[in-house]
Amino acid sequence: MKLDILAIGAHPDDVELSCSGTIAKEVHNGKKVGILDLTRGELGTRGTPEIRDQEAKNAAKILGVATRENLGFRDGFFLNDEKHQLEIIKILRKYRPEIVLCNAIDDRHIDHGKGSKLTSDACFLSGLRKIETTYNGASQEAWRPKHVYHYIQWKNLTPDFVVDISGHMDQKMKSVEAYESQFYDAGSKEPSTPISSKNFLDSIQYRAADLGRIIGVQYAEGFTVERSVAVDSIFNLI
């Protein structure tokens, strides 16, 4: 199965929090989208890996993605090295996405910046024919995504471009709320974390509203780029 977009996150819920509106929109437009989680989020204060596995499945169903996989890297301790790069390369060559969405280039959680660079490096290396990989016993052909875009997470980074998600904000919020163990729940007995407050849950909506405001729409998501974004015509800009 070839994908149009592969969204990669260091932890289950990174993608939902940051770019699920864009994913929902493109699925609605007929694109094939997949999600790849690098870790199971096992170091998270709340919940368990097993709970988060199920929450990730529920969120994927809400978004209507074609596939979701988890590489099982060590939460907090994975590295940007050959071993980890090769595992991502195998997935890139398996699904051959045109676009990869990945972690913020700089963020509060150390795994986000690491995941960003690891994914970006793997996307480049995946295009080198002399790097040989196999999947299920079969040799894989080289594949390099055309575009690598970084979504925005905890820090309010300045986006290089924004995507109008006005018709898909409810779906985005439902995919986030699928992670019941992680986010605001007035009745929860779990320890408080920076992302378990009502303010954090509300911030997902008001950030999208603010990004929408700057382009004259209701809601939007922002991305940064590694190289200039090109358009066929200046009239393609909204």
Protein backbone atom coordinates (compact mmCIF):
# COMPACT_ATOMS: atom_id res chain seq x y z
CA MET A 1 0.00 0.00 0.00
CA LYS A 2 1.40 3.35 -1.06
CA LEU A 3 0.67 6.35 1.14
CA ASP A 4 0.30 9.98 0.16
CA ILE A 5 1.22 11.17 3.68
CA LEU A 6 3.01 9.48 6.57
CA ALA A 7 2.73 11.34 9.89
CA ILE A 8 5.45 10.36 12.36
CA GLY A 9 5.49 11.13 16.07
CA ALA A 10 7.87 10.29 18.90
CA HIS A 11 4.90 9.36 21.11
CA PRO A 12 1.31 8.24 20.57
CA ASP A 13 -0.74 11.50 20.63
CA ASP A 14 2.02 13.76 19.15
CA VAL A 15 0.37 13.54 15.75
CA GLU A 16 -3.16 14.05 17.07
CA LEU A 17 -2.22 17.12 19.07
CA SER A 18 -0.28 18.75 16.26
CA CYS A 19 -1.49 17.83 12.78
CA SER A 20 -4.62 15.68 13.03
CA GLY A 21 -6.76 18.40 11.48
CA THR A 22 -4.57 18.32 8.38
CA ILE A 23 -4.72 14.51 8.35
CA ALA A 24 -8.51 14.49 8.67
CA LYS A 25 -8.81 17.01 5.85
CA GLU A 26 -6.59 15.03 3.48
CA VAL A 27 -8.33 11.74 4.29
CA HIS A 28 -11.61 13.51 3.49
CA ASN A 29 -10.03 14.62 0.20
CA GLY A 30 -9.30 11.01 -0.72
CA LYS A 31 -5.63 10.84 0.23
CA LYS A 32 -4.12 7.74 1.85
CA VAL A 33 -2.57 8.69 5.19
CA GLY A 34 -0.68 6.60 7.73
CA ILE A 35 0.70 7.23 11.21
CA LEU A 36 3.97 5.90 12.64
CA ASP A 37 4.67 6.18 16.37
CA LEU A 38 8.32 5.78 17.34
CA THR A 39 7.70 4.79 20.99
CA ARG A 40 4.81 3.54 23.10
CA GLY A 41 5.13 6.50 25.47
CA GLU A 42 6.01 4.15 28.30
CA LEU A 43 7.69 6.83 30.41
CA GLY A 44 4.55 8.94 30.52
CA THR A 45 3.36 9.77 34.05
CA ARG A 46 -0.23 8.76 33.34
CA GLY A 47 -1.60 5.57 31.85
CA THR A 48 0.30 2.50 30.65
CA PRO A 49 1.76 1.43 27.29
CA GLU A 50 -1.15 -0.99 26.86
CA ILE A 51 -3.71 1.75 27.50
CA ARG A 52 -1.95 4.07 25.08
CA ASP A 53 -1.83 1.34 22.43
CA GLN A 54 -5.61 1.10 22.56
CA GLU A 55 -6.04 4.88 22.65
CA ALA A 56 -3.84 5.17 19.54
CA LYS A 57 -6.03 2.63 17.73
CA ASN A 58 -9.15 4.54 18.71
CA ALA A 59 -7.68 7.84 17.51
CA ALA A 60 -6.61 6.28 14.20
CA LYS A 61 -10.16 5.07 13.65
CA ILE A 62 -11.55 8.54 14.33
CA LEU A 63 -9.17 10.05 11.77
CA GLY A 64 -9.80 7.32 9.20
CA VAL A 65 -6.14 6.65 8.47
CA ALA A 66 -5.18 3.67 6.33
CA THR A 67 -2.58 2.27 8.73
CA ARG A 68 -0.85 2.91 12.03
CA GLU A 69 2.35 1.27 13.25
CA ASN A 70 4.60 1.57 16.29
CA LEU A 71 8.35 0.92 16.11
CA GLY A 72 8.71 0.34 19.86
CA PHE A 73 11.77 2.55 20.33
CA ARG A 74 12.71 3.30 23.95
CA ASP A 75 10.79 6.31 25.18
CA GLY A 76 13.24 9.00 26.28
CA PHE A 77 16.32 7.04 25.22
CA PHE A 78 16.10 6.38 21.47
CA LEU A 79 18.98 7.81 19.46
CA ASN A 80 19.53 9.29 16.04
CA ASP A 81 21.87 6.51 14.95
CA GLU A 82 22.13 3.91 12.21
CA LYS A 83 20.02 1.32 14.03
CA HIS A 84 17.05 3.64 14.51
CA GLN A 85 17.41 5.30 11.10
CA LEU A 86 17.26 1.93 9.36
CA GLU A 87 14.00 1.01 11.10
CA ILE A 88 12.37 4.20 9.85
CA ILE A 89 13.88 3.72 6.39
CA LYS A 90 12.18 0.31 6.17
CA ILE A 91 8.82 1.93 6.87
CA LEU A 92 9.44 4.74 4.37
CA ARG A 93 10.33 2.23 1.67
CA LYS A 94 7.34 0.07 2.58
CA TYR A 95 4.77 2.86 2.24
CA ARG A 96 6.58 5.26 -0.15
CA PRO A 97 4.89 8.46 1.10
CA GLU A 98 5.06 11.66 -0.92
CA ILE A 99 4.92 13.80 2.23
CA VAL A 100 6.22 13.13 5.74
CA LEU A 101 4.94 15.12 8.71
CA CYS A 102 7.13 14.88 11.81
CA ASN A 103 7.95 16.31 15.21
CA ALA A 104 8.73 19.94 15.97
CA ILE A 105 12.33 20.94 15.33
CA ASP A 106 12.57 22.39 18.87
CA ASP A 107 10.31 21.63 21.79
CA ARG A 108 9.92 21.12 25.53
CA HIS A 109 10.15 17.30 25.43
CA ILE A 110 13.61 16.06 24.44
CA ASP A 111 12.14 13.28 22.29
CA HIS A 112 10.44 15.79 20.01
CA GLY A 113 13.60 17.46 18.76
CA LYS A 114 15.36 14.07 18.58
CA GLY A 115 12.44 12.54 16.70
CA SER A 116 12.41 15.48 14.31
CA LYS A 117 16.07 15.12 13.33
CA LEU A 118 15.96 11.32 13.31
CA THR A 119 13.01 11.30 10.93
CA SER A 120 14.47 13.99 8.70
CA ASP A 121 17.80 12.16 8.43
CA ALA A 122 16.05 8.86 7.72
CA CYS A 123 14.00 10.49 4.94
CA PHE A 124 17.22 11.58 3.22
CA LEU A 125 19.05 8.28 3.72
CA SER A 126 16.05 6.32 2.47
CA GLY A 127 16.73 7.70 -1.00
CA LEU A 128 20.25 6.26 -1.18
CA ARG A 129 20.31 3.05 -3.23
CA LYS A 130 23.46 1.71 -1.62
CA ILE A 131 21.69 1.48 1.74
CA GLU A 132 20.15 -1.97 1.49
CA THR A 133 17.11 -2.96 3.52
CA THR A 134 14.69 -5.87 3.52
CA TYR A 135 11.11 -6.12 4.74
CA ASN A 136 9.48 -9.52 5.33
CA GLY A 137 12.43 -11.11 3.55
CA ALA A 138 12.13 -9.03 0.38
CA SER A 139 14.64 -6.43 -0.78
CA GLN A 140 13.34 -2.85 -0.76
CA GLU A 141 13.88 -0.15 -3.35
CA ALA A 142 15.18 3.28 -2.38
CA TRP A 143 12.54 5.93 -1.72
CA ARG A 144 12.82 9.56 -0.63
CA PRO A 145 9.70 11.57 0.28
CA LYS A 146 9.29 14.74 -1.77
CA HIS A 147 8.58 16.88 1.28
CA VAL A 148 9.32 16.78 5.01
CA TYR A 149 7.25 19.17 7.11
CA HIS A 150 7.55 19.68 10.87
CA TYR A 151 4.43 20.31 12.91
CA ILE A 152 4.32 22.59 15.96
CA GLN A 153 3.94 21.19 19.48
CA TRP A 154 4.40 22.73 22.94
CA LYS A 155 6.44 25.77 21.94
CA ASN A 156 4.81 28.50 19.88
CA LEU A 157 7.16 28.30 16.93
CA THR A 158 6.54 30.65 14.01
CA PRO A 159 5.08 28.58 11.16
CA ASP A 160 6.42 28.77 7.63
CA PHE A 161 2.96 27.88 6.33
CA VAL A 162 -0.44 27.06 7.78
CA VAL A 163 -3.22 24.73 6.67
CA ASP A 164 -6.90 25.65 6.91
CA ILE A 165 -8.61 22.92 8.97
CA SER A 166 -11.85 24.77 9.65
CA GLY A 167 -14.10 21.88 8.64
CA HIS A 168 -12.17 19.32 10.68
CA MET A 169 -11.60 20.85 14.10
CA ASP A 170 -14.22 18.67 15.80
CA GLN A 171 -12.59 15.55 14.37
CA LYS A 172 -9.19 16.75 15.58
CA MET A 173 -10.48 17.28 19.11
CA LYS A 174 -12.16 13.86 19.16
CA SER A 175 -8.88 12.22 18.14
CA VAL A 176 -7.08 14.04 20.96
CA GLU A 177 -9.76 13.15 23.48
CA ALA A 178 -9.35 9.48 22.52
CA TYR A 179 -6.29 9.61 24.79
CA GLU A 180 -8.41 9.62 27.92
CA SER A 181 -5.48 8.65 30.15
CA GLN A 182 -3.37 11.64 29.12
CA PHE A 183 -5.54 14.72 29.01
CA TYR A 184 -7.97 16.65 31.18
CA ASP A 185 -10.42 14.57 33.19
CA ALA A 186 -11.93 16.24 36.24
CA GLY A 187 -12.54 12.86 37.88
CA SER A 188 -9.10 11.37 37.27
CA LYS A 189 -7.03 10.19 40.25
CA GLU A 190 -3.83 10.16 38.17
CA PRO A 191 -0.99 12.63 38.97
CA SER A 192 -1.20 16.04 37.32
CA THR A 193 1.08 16.73 34.36
CA PRO A 194 1.67 19.77 32.11
CA ILE A 195 -0.66 18.25 29.51
CA SER A 196 -3.43 17.05 31.84
CA SER A 197 -4.81 20.50 32.69
CA LYS A 198 -7.98 21.96 31.21
CA ASN A 199 -5.90 24.92 30.07
CA PHE A 200 -3.75 22.64 27.91
CA LEU A 201 -6.78 20.94 26.35
CA ASP A 202 -8.34 24.35 25.67
CA SER A 203 -5.06 25.57 24.17
CA ILE A 204 -5.34 23.09 21.30
CA GLN A 205 -8.47 24.87 20.13
CA TYR A 206 -7.36 28.44 20.80
CA ARG A 207 -3.99 27.89 19.09
CA ALA A 208 -5.82 26.57 16.02
CA ALA A 209 -8.17 29.54 16.20
CA ASP A 210 -5.25 31.98 16.40
CA LEU A 211 -3.45 30.38 13.45
CA GLY A 212 -6.74 30.52 11.57
CA ARG A 213 -7.11 34.19 12.46
CA ILE A 214 -3.85 35.15 10.77
CA ILE A 215 -5.01 33.69 7.43
CA GLY A 216 -8.65 34.72 7.71
CA VAL A 217 -10.21 31.31 8.45
CA GLN A 218 -11.68 29.74 11.57
CA TYR A 219 -9.01 27.15 12.40
CA ALA A 220 -5.56 26.21 11.10
CA GLU A 221 -2.45 24.16 11.87
CA GLY A 222 1.11 25.39 11.39
CA PHE A 223 4.23 23.76 9.99
CA THR A 224 7.89 24.62 9.55
CA VAL A 225 10.00 23.53 6.59
CA GLU A 226 13.58 22.53 5.86
CA ARG A 227 13.59 24.12 2.42
CA SER A 228 11.48 26.68 0.60
CA VAL A 229 7.90 25.79 -0.23
CA ALA A 230 6.99 26.34 -3.89
CA VAL A 231 3.63 26.98 -5.57
CA ASP A 232 2.69 26.73 -9.25
CA SER A 233 0.98 30.10 -9.18
CA ILE A 234 0.84 33.02 -6.77
CA PHE A 235 -2.94 32.65 -7.03
CA ASN A 236 -2.71 29.29 -5.22
CA LEU A 237 -2.11 31.21 -1.99
CA ILE A 238 -5.23 31.96 0.06
